[in-house]
Amino acid sequence: MAENKGETEVPTTSTSSTSPPTSIKSQEATNTASSTRRLHPQAEDYRSSLMAGTASVILKKENGTDNAVLFSDLPVGVVIHIAAYLDVRSLCHLQQTCQRMYTLTSDELLWRRKLWEDSRQWEVVSHLSHPKVYQEVSSDRSAQAIYESCFTNRDSVPYQPFTQRLQSFVRRLQGHIPRLLMFGSGLETVPLVKRMILDSNSPYKPIGLVPGKDGAGSGISIKHNNATVNLITLYTATKAERLAASAGTGQRINKLISGSASKDRGGAGDEGVAEPILTLAVQEQCQMADGFILAVDATNLNEEILESDIETLTAMLLASHNQRIPLLVLSCLFQTDDQQPSLPSLDVADKLKLIDISNPWQVRSLNVNTFEGLSTGLDWLLTAAASK
C-alpha cells in the first residue's frame, strides 16, 4: 500500500497467519517519514460493526473530514484477517451481505481453522457429528459443509424405521425396564455412582436394588422422566485391588476379561486378530443390556487406562451381538482445588477410536459436581436404545 501522510492506512495481513493478534490496537499516525503507518482509532469499528450485523464503517481522515468506506471494499487479506476473529454466527451473517463477502468468507482454510477450534469446544460429539466421519465419506466436501453437518447433528439419534418404532411401543406396553450397563475407568477414579446415590444435588435417587447373578449384574433402579431405569455397574476389580493399583502398590487387573481369542480375517497370510473375551456372567449381562455407558476420567486417561477401556469396550460390543446397541461415553470432570486440564469430547472420541465402531455413540462432558449433562445424555441413550 502506497504511503500517504495525509491519510491513515489499514495494513494488509497475510492469509497464512495462524496466530492472529488478540486485539487491534489503535495509535495516532505521525507525520515523520521514518514512522510506520498504524490502524486509525476507529479501525476497531470494523470488527465491532460486524458483530452488530452491519457491513460498513466510517474512517476519518486526519484533517477531520468523513470518508465512508465499505467493508466489502477492503483488501482480501484484511477481510479474511478480520473474519478470523468472528464467531460462526457472525461469519454466516457476513456471507449474506454480498457476493464478494460470500466468496471471501467461504475460504477453505478459514473454515478448516474454525472447525478445528470450535469442535474442541463442543461438549457433545457423536457418530453423526464427528468431522472425520464426513471427511472419510466425502474427501471433496468443504470444511464449511462439514461444520454445518456436525453442528446440526450433535444430539441426533439414529433413524428408527416404523417397524422398530412399533416394536419399541409394544415393549413399553409390556412394562419393559431398560437395562443400562455402566463401566470404565471413570467409575474407579471419579465418585460418579456414589454421588448419584448420596449427593443431595443428584437428580436421581435410587428406588430399588437390582440383584446380580454369578458375581455380576448388580446395580440400582432410578427414576428418569417418570420412567424406571436399571443402572448396572461393572468394575474391573475389587475396591481394595483398585486402590492398590492407583497407589502403585498393586498391578492393574481387569476381571471382566477372561482371555482372548484369535479371529481370522480371512485373508491369505493373516495370522488373525486377538479379540478379548468377557466372563460368562458379564456376557449374559451384555446380551440383556439396552445400552452401554462408558465412564472415563477426562483428566486422567493415560495409555494404560486407555488400553484397558478400549479392551473392555470392544469385548462388550462383541458380546452384545447387536450393532445397533447405543453407547454413551461420559467424559467425567470432578472439580478439585488442584484442577487439571481436561480432554475435549472430540479428543476422547479419537483416543477411544469410536469412529471405527458401527454402533451409535455419543461422547458427552459431565461435571460430576453439578451433574450437568447427565440427564440429557440419558435422554439420548434411552431414545437411541428404543430404536435398536
Protein backbone atom coordinates (compact mmCIF):
# COMPACT_ATOMS: atom_id res chain seq x y z
CA MET A 1 0.00 0.00 0.00
CA ALA A 2 1.45 3.37 -1.03
CA GLU A 3 2.42 5.78 1.77
CA ASN A 4 0.27 8.90 2.16
CA LYS A 5 0.98 11.26 5.04
CA GLY A 6 -2.45 12.82 4.85
CA GLU A 7 -4.43 9.64 5.46
CA THR A 8 -4.31 6.68 7.78
CA GLU A 9 -3.85 3.27 6.28
CA VAL A 10 -5.22 -0.19 7.07
CA PRO A 11 -2.28 -2.64 6.82
CA THR A 12 -2.89 -5.85 4.96
CA THR A 13 -2.30 -9.18 6.69
CA SER A 14 -1.16 -12.43 5.14
CA THR A 15 -3.83 -15.15 4.97
CA SER A 16 -1.27 -17.74 6.04
CA SER A 17 -1.10 -16.34 9.58
CA THR A 18 -2.16 -18.99 12.07
CA SER A 19 -1.96 -16.88 15.22
CA PRO A 20 -3.88 -13.58 14.82
CA PRO A 21 -3.27 -10.93 17.50
CA THR A 22 -5.67 -10.84 20.41
CA SER A 23 -6.77 -7.27 19.69
CA ILE A 24 -6.22 -4.44 17.20
CA LYS A 25 -4.55 -1.50 18.96
CA SER A 26 -5.09 1.97 17.60
CA GLN A 27 -2.40 4.64 17.59
CA GLU A 28 -2.17 8.09 16.03
CA ALA A 29 -0.31 8.36 12.76
CA THR A 30 2.77 10.57 12.80
CA ASN A 31 3.92 12.98 10.12
CA THR A 32 7.54 11.84 10.09
CA ALA A 33 8.73 9.96 7.05
CA SER A 34 10.50 7.28 9.12
CA SER A 35 7.44 6.23 11.16
CA THR A 36 5.27 3.24 10.24
CA ARG A 37 1.58 3.53 9.43
CA ARG A 38 -0.81 2.02 12.02
CA LEU A 39 -4.54 1.48 12.36
CA HIS A 40 -6.71 4.54 12.84
CA PRO A 41 -8.50 4.69 16.22
CA GLN A 42 -11.82 3.87 14.53
CA ALA A 43 -10.46 0.88 12.63
CA GLU A 44 -11.56 -1.31 15.52
CA ASP A 45 -15.13 -0.46 14.45
CA TYR A 46 -14.70 -2.85 11.51
CA ARG A 47 -14.86 -5.82 13.86
CA SER A 48 -17.49 -4.37 16.22
CA SER A 49 -19.73 -3.40 13.33
CA LEU A 50 -19.61 -6.95 12.01
CA MET A 51 -20.55 -8.33 15.41
CA ALA A 52 -23.53 -5.96 15.40
CA GLY A 53 -24.60 -7.22 11.98
CA THR A 54 -23.59 -4.20 9.90
CA ALA A 55 -21.32 -4.27 6.90
CA SER A 56 -19.79 -0.80 6.75
CA VAL A 57 -17.84 1.61 8.93
CA ILE A 58 -16.61 5.17 8.59
CA LEU A 59 -12.93 6.00 8.75
CA LYS A 60 -11.92 9.59 9.29
CA LYS A 61 -9.09 11.37 7.61
CA GLU A 62 -6.61 13.22 9.73
CA ASN A 63 -7.98 16.55 8.51
CA GLY A 64 -11.30 15.79 10.22
CA THR A 65 -13.47 15.11 7.14
CA ASP A 66 -15.51 11.93 6.91
CA ASN A 67 -14.86 9.34 4.23
CA ALA A 68 -17.31 6.44 4.03
CA VAL A 69 -15.52 3.15 3.34
CA LEU A 70 -17.50 -0.02 2.74
CA PHE A 71 -16.18 -3.13 4.42
CA SER A 72 -16.62 -5.01 1.16
CA ASP A 73 -14.08 -2.65 -0.47
CA LEU A 74 -11.25 -3.65 1.87
CA PRO A 75 -8.36 -5.75 0.52
CA VAL A 76 -8.78 -9.52 0.53
CA GLY A 77 -6.14 -10.09 3.20
CA VAL A 78 -7.76 -7.61 5.59
CA VAL A 79 -11.23 -9.12 5.14
CA ILE A 80 -10.05 -12.66 5.84
CA HIS A 81 -7.93 -11.49 8.77
CA ILE A 82 -10.92 -9.76 10.40
CA ALA A 83 -13.16 -12.74 9.59
CA ALA A 84 -10.80 -14.96 11.57
CA TYR A 85 -11.87 -13.10 14.73
CA LEU A 86 -15.61 -13.59 14.15
CA ASP A 87 -17.70 -16.38 15.57
CA VAL A 88 -19.52 -18.66 13.15
CA ARG A 89 -22.86 -16.90 13.55
CA SER A 90 -21.37 -13.52 12.61
CA LEU A 91 -19.42 -15.13 9.79
CA CYS A 92 -22.62 -16.55 8.30
CA HIS A 93 -24.29 -13.13 8.60
CA LEU A 94 -21.38 -11.58 6.75
CA GLN A 95 -21.75 -14.12 3.94
CA GLN A 96 -25.27 -12.89 3.29
CA THR A 97 -24.30 -9.26 2.65
CA CYS A 98 -22.97 -9.55 -0.90
CA GLN A 99 -21.44 -11.93 -3.42
CA ARG A 100 -17.88 -10.78 -2.74
CA MET A 101 -18.21 -11.30 1.00
CA TYR A 102 -19.72 -14.74 0.41
CA THR A 103 -16.78 -15.72 -1.78
CA LEU A 104 -14.11 -14.38 0.57
CA THR A 105 -15.61 -15.79 3.78
CA SER A 106 -16.04 -19.20 2.16
CA ASP A 107 -12.27 -19.59 2.23
CA GLU A 108 -11.42 -23.26 2.85
CA LEU A 109 -8.50 -22.58 5.19
CA LEU A 110 -10.63 -20.19 7.24
CA TRP A 111 -13.35 -22.80 7.79
CA ARG A 112 -10.85 -25.57 8.48
CA ARG A 113 -9.46 -23.44 11.25
CA LYS A 114 -12.96 -22.68 12.59
CA LEU A 115 -13.83 -26.38 12.51
CA TRP A 116 -10.64 -27.37 14.30
CA GLU A 117 -11.01 -24.71 17.02
CA ASP A 118 -14.75 -24.92 17.64
CA SER A 119 -15.03 -28.72 17.57
CA ARG A 120 -12.73 -28.87 20.58
CA GLN A 121 -15.12 -26.63 22.46
CA TRP A 122 -18.15 -28.82 21.83
CA GLU A 123 -19.32 -30.64 24.93
CA VAL A 124 -21.10 -33.25 22.79
CA VAL A 125 -19.69 -35.28 19.90
CA SER A 126 -21.48 -38.22 18.30
CA HIS A 127 -21.26 -40.66 15.41
CA LEU A 128 -23.19 -38.09 13.37
CA SER A 129 -21.17 -35.03 14.36
CA HIS A 130 -17.52 -36.11 14.26
CA PRO A 131 -15.70 -34.28 11.44
CA LYS A 132 -13.71 -37.37 10.43
CA VAL A 133 -16.91 -39.25 9.64
CA TYR A 134 -17.74 -36.80 6.84
CA GLN A 135 -14.14 -36.40 5.72
CA GLU A 136 -13.77 -40.14 5.16
CA VAL A 137 -17.09 -40.46 3.33
CA SER A 138 -16.53 -37.50 1.02
CA SER A 139 -12.99 -36.15 0.78
CA ASP A 140 -14.03 -33.28 -1.53
CA ARG A 141 -16.61 -31.90 0.89
CA SER A 142 -15.87 -28.36 2.01
CA ALA A 143 -14.96 -27.58 5.60
CA GLN A 144 -17.95 -25.25 5.88
CA ALA A 145 -20.34 -28.02 4.81
CA ILE A 146 -18.74 -30.41 7.31
CA TYR A 147 -19.06 -27.80 10.06
CA GLU A 148 -22.77 -27.34 9.32
CA SER A 149 -23.43 -31.10 9.32
CA CYS A 150 -21.52 -31.66 12.56
CA PHE A 151 -23.14 -28.78 14.39
CA THR A 152 -26.71 -29.69 13.45
CA ASN A 153 -26.33 -33.43 14.18
CA ARG A 154 -24.68 -33.29 17.61
CA ASP A 155 -27.72 -34.57 19.54
CA SER A 156 -29.36 -36.51 16.72
CA VAL A 157 -30.47 -40.08 17.34
CA PRO A 158 -30.34 -42.89 14.76
CA TYR A 159 -33.21 -43.15 12.32
CA GLN A 160 -35.90 -45.55 13.54
CA PRO A 161 -37.99 -47.34 10.89
CA PHE A 162 -41.71 -47.80 11.51
CA THR A 163 -41.38 -51.49 12.39
CA GLN A 164 -38.79 -50.73 15.07
CA ARG A 165 -40.92 -47.92 16.48
CA LEU A 166 -43.81 -50.37 16.70
CA GLN A 167 -41.65 -52.94 18.48
CA SER A 168 -40.47 -50.31 20.94
CA PHE A 169 -44.06 -49.30 21.64
CA VAL A 170 -45.04 -52.90 22.32
CA ARG A 171 -42.10 -53.37 24.68
CA ARG A 172 -43.13 -50.31 26.67
CA LEU A 173 -46.69 -51.61 26.91
CA GLN A 174 -45.32 -54.88 28.27
CA GLY A 175 -43.58 -52.97 31.05
CA HIS A 176 -40.02 -53.47 29.81
CA ILE A 177 -37.47 -51.72 32.06
CA PRO A 178 -34.35 -50.58 30.19
CA ARG A 179 -31.06 -52.02 31.45
CA LEU A 180 -28.02 -49.80 31.09
CA LEU A 181 -24.54 -51.22 31.75
CA MET A 182 -22.09 -48.70 33.18
CA PHE A 183 -18.37 -49.48 33.20
CA GLY A 184 -15.00 -47.87 32.57
CA SER A 185 -12.04 -46.35 34.36
CA GLY A 186 -14.07 -43.28 35.31
CA LEU A 187 -16.06 -45.33 37.80
CA GLU A 188 -12.83 -46.15 39.63
CA THR A 189 -11.26 -42.68 39.70
CA VAL A 190 -14.32 -40.41 39.85
CA PRO A 191 -17.04 -40.86 42.52
CA LEU A 192 -19.83 -40.74 39.95
CA VAL A 193 -22.10 -43.53 41.21
CA LYS A 194 -21.51 -42.61 44.85
CA ARG A 195 -22.54 -39.01 44.25
CA MET A 196 -25.56 -40.11 42.21
CA ILE A 197 -26.79 -42.09 45.22
CA LEU A 198 -25.76 -39.91 48.16
CA ASP A 199 -25.42 -36.33 46.90
CA SER A 200 -28.36 -34.08 47.79
CA ASN A 201 -27.98 -32.29 44.44
CA SER A 202 -28.25 -35.51 42.44
CA PRO A 203 -31.19 -35.56 40.01
CA TYR A 204 -31.55 -39.29 40.58
CA LYS A 205 -32.46 -41.13 43.74
CA PRO A 206 -32.32 -44.92 43.98
CA ILE A 207 -35.75 -46.51 44.22
CA GLY A 208 -34.53 -50.08 44.47
CA LEU A 209 -31.68 -52.51 44.07
CA VAL A 210 -31.03 -54.79 41.10
CA PRO A 211 -29.68 -58.22 42.13
CA GLY A 212 -26.71 -59.65 40.29
CA LYS A 213 -26.01 -63.14 39.07
CA ASP A 214 -22.78 -65.10 39.43
CA GLY A 215 -20.99 -62.06 40.79
CA ALA A 216 -22.04 -59.63 38.05
CA GLY A 217 -25.04 -57.52 37.18
CA SER A 218 -25.90 -55.79 40.45
CA GLY A 219 -26.96 -52.17 40.42
CA ILE A 220 -29.69 -49.70 41.30
CA SER A 221 -33.04 -48.65 39.88
CA ILE A 222 -33.58 -44.94 39.28
CA LYS A 223 -36.37 -42.74 38.00
CA HIS A 224 -35.69 -40.84 34.80
CA ASN A 225 -38.50 -38.69 33.40
CA ASN A 226 -41.07 -40.73 35.36
CA ALA A 227 -39.70 -43.96 33.87
CA THR A 228 -37.79 -46.67 35.73
CA VAL A 229 -34.28 -47.46 34.54
CA ASN A 230 -31.99 -50.21 35.84
CA LEU A 231 -28.41 -48.99 36.07
CA ILE A 232 -25.94 -51.89 36.27
CA THR A 233 -22.36 -51.14 37.34
CA LEU A 234 -19.41 -53.31 36.34
CA TYR A 235 -16.00 -52.83 37.94
CA THR A 236 -12.75 -54.32 36.67
CA ALA A 237 -11.61 -55.35 40.17
CA THR A 238 -12.49 -55.11 43.84
CA LYS A 239 -12.17 -51.80 45.66
CA ALA A 240 -9.02 -52.92 47.50
CA GLU A 241 -7.38 -54.02 44.25
CA ARG A 242 -8.31 -50.75 42.52
CA LEU A 243 -6.90 -48.66 45.36
CA ALA A 244 -3.67 -50.66 45.35
CA ALA A 245 -3.29 -50.16 41.61
CA SER A 246 -3.92 -46.41 41.93
CA ALA A 247 -1.34 -46.14 44.72
CA GLY A 248 1.23 -48.07 42.69
CA THR A 249 1.44 -50.92 45.20
CA GLY A 250 -0.53 -53.35 43.07
CA GLN A 251 -0.97 -54.38 39.46
CA ARG A 252 -3.90 -53.13 37.42
CA ILE A 253 -6.14 -56.08 36.53
CA ASN A 254 -9.37 -56.48 34.60
CA LYS A 255 -11.56 -59.27 35.96
CA LEU A 256 -14.23 -58.59 33.35
CA ILE A 257 -11.96 -60.15 30.71
CA SER A 258 -11.36 -63.89 30.91
CA GLY A 259 -8.98 -64.16 27.97
CA SER A 260 -8.69 -63.58 24.25
CA ALA A 261 -9.34 -65.49 21.06
CA SER A 262 -7.77 -65.19 17.63
CA LYS A 263 -10.14 -64.26 14.84
CA ASP A 264 -9.09 -64.98 11.27
CA ARG A 265 -9.61 -62.03 8.94
CA GLY A 266 -9.97 -64.35 6.00
CA GLY A 267 -7.05 -63.01 4.02
CA ALA A 268 -4.14 -65.04 2.80
CA GLY A 269 -1.25 -64.96 5.23
CA ASP A 270 -3.24 -63.25 8.01
CA GLU A 271 -2.46 -64.59 11.44
CA GLY A 272 -5.74 -63.32 12.89
CA VAL A 273 -6.66 -60.63 15.38
CA ALA A 274 -6.81 -61.27 19.11
CA GLU A 275 -10.24 -60.33 20.45
CA PRO A 276 -10.92 -60.01 24.19
CA ILE A 277 -13.48 -62.36 25.73
CA LEU A 278 -15.65 -61.46 28.72
CA THR A 279 -16.50 -63.82 31.53
CA LEU A 280 -19.72 -65.78 31.02
CA ALA A 281 -21.59 -63.79 33.67
CA VAL A 282 -20.68 -60.47 32.03
CA GLN A 283 -21.54 -61.83 28.58
CA GLU A 284 -25.05 -62.60 29.79
CA GLN A 285 -25.40 -59.06 31.10
CA CYS A 286 -24.30 -57.63 27.75
CA GLN A 287 -26.87 -59.68 25.87
CA MET A 288 -29.65 -58.36 28.13
CA ALA A 289 -28.47 -54.74 28.02
CA ASP A 290 -30.33 -51.99 26.17
CA GLY A 291 -27.41 -49.58 26.22
CA PHE A 292 -23.83 -49.09 27.38
CA ILE A 293 -22.37 -46.25 29.44
CA LEU A 294 -18.58 -45.90 29.41
CA ALA A 295 -17.31 -43.52 32.09
CA VAL A 296 -13.82 -42.07 31.63
CA ASP A 297 -11.86 -39.55 33.67
CA ALA A 298 -11.31 -36.51 31.45
CA THR A 299 -8.25 -35.53 33.49
CA ASN A 300 -6.62 -38.96 33.69
CA LEU A 301 -6.61 -41.01 30.51
CA ASN A 302 -3.08 -42.34 30.17
CA GLU A 303 -2.06 -45.14 27.83
CA GLU A 304 -2.54 -47.95 30.36
CA ILE A 305 -6.02 -46.81 31.37
CA LEU A 306 -6.95 -46.10 27.77
CA GLU A 307 -5.88 -49.57 26.64
CA SER A 308 -7.99 -51.17 29.39
CA ASP A 309 -11.06 -49.12 28.45
CA ILE A 310 -10.73 -49.95 24.75
CA GLU A 311 -10.30 -53.65 25.52
CA THR A 312 -13.38 -53.73 27.76
CA LEU A 313 -15.47 -51.71 25.31
CA THR A 314 -14.51 -53.96 22.40
CA ALA A 315 -15.43 -57.06 24.38
CA MET A 316 -18.77 -55.55 25.45
CA LEU A 317 -19.79 -54.69 21.90
CA LEU A 318 -18.80 -58.13 20.62
CA ALA A 319 -20.71 -59.90 23.39
CA SER A 320 -23.90 -57.92 22.76
CA HIS A 321 -24.25 -59.34 19.20
CA ASN A 322 -26.11 -56.16 18.29
CA GLN A 323 -24.54 -53.45 16.14
CA ARG A 324 -27.37 -51.05 16.96
CA ILE A 325 -26.98 -51.02 20.73
CA PRO A 326 -26.06 -47.42 21.65
CA LEU A 327 -23.02 -46.29 23.60
CA LEU A 328 -22.86 -43.19 25.80
CA VAL A 329 -19.38 -42.08 26.84
CA LEU A 330 -19.35 -39.80 29.88
CA SER A 331 -16.19 -37.71 29.96
CA CYS A 332 -16.25 -37.02 33.70
CA LEU A 333 -14.74 -33.95 35.30
CA PHE A 334 -14.58 -33.85 39.09
CA GLN A 335 -13.57 -30.34 40.15
CA THR A 336 -11.00 -30.10 42.92
CA ASP A 337 -8.68 -27.41 44.25
CA ASP A 338 -5.78 -28.58 42.06
CA GLN A 339 -7.80 -28.79 38.88
CA GLN A 340 -6.02 -30.46 35.98
CA PRO A 341 -6.75 -29.72 32.33
CA SER A 342 -9.39 -31.99 30.84
CA LEU A 343 -9.63 -33.55 27.40
CA PRO A 344 -12.24 -32.20 24.98
CA SER A 345 -15.01 -34.60 23.98
CA LEU A 346 -13.62 -34.78 20.44
CA ASP A 347 -10.20 -35.92 21.70
CA VAL A 348 -11.83 -38.52 23.96
CA ALA A 349 -13.66 -39.93 20.94
CA ASP A 350 -10.41 -40.05 18.97
CA LYS A 351 -8.46 -41.77 21.74
CA LEU A 352 -11.17 -44.42 22.13
CA LYS A 353 -11.26 -44.87 18.32
CA LEU A 354 -15.04 -44.58 18.30
CA ILE A 355 -15.30 -43.77 14.60
CA ASP A 356 -14.19 -47.36 13.92
CA ILE A 357 -17.28 -48.91 15.55
CA SER A 358 -20.62 -49.31 13.81
CA ASN A 359 -22.79 -48.77 16.90
CA PRO A 360 -24.41 -45.40 17.56
CA TRP A 361 -22.34 -43.47 20.09
CA GLN A 362 -22.11 -40.14 21.80
CA VAL A 363 -19.40 -38.53 23.95
CA ARG A 364 -20.67 -36.00 26.46
CA SER A 365 -18.80 -33.90 29.02
CA LEU A 366 -20.14 -34.40 32.54
CA ASN A 367 -19.50 -32.20 35.54
CA VAL A 368 -19.73 -34.63 38.45
CA ASN A 369 -20.16 -31.77 40.93
CA THR A 370 -23.31 -30.44 39.28
CA PHE A 371 -24.36 -33.48 37.16
CA GLU A 372 -24.72 -31.09 34.24
CA GLY A 373 -25.10 -33.13 31.06
CA LEU A 374 -26.15 -36.41 32.69
CA SER A 375 -29.90 -36.10 32.18
CA THR A 376 -29.52 -35.03 28.54
CA GLY A 377 -27.10 -37.88 27.92
CA LEU A 378 -29.51 -40.44 29.34
CA ASP A 379 -32.28 -38.97 27.19
CA TRP A 380 -30.19 -39.60 24.08
CA LEU A 381 -29.18 -43.10 25.21
CA LEU A 382 -32.72 -44.25 26.01
CA THR A 383 -34.09 -42.76 22.79
CA ALA A 384 -31.37 -44.48 20.78
CA ALA A 385 -31.94 -47.72 22.72
CA ALA A 386 -35.61 -47.68 21.76
CA SER A 387 -34.61 -47.77 18.09
CA LYS A 388 -32.09 -50.61 18.31
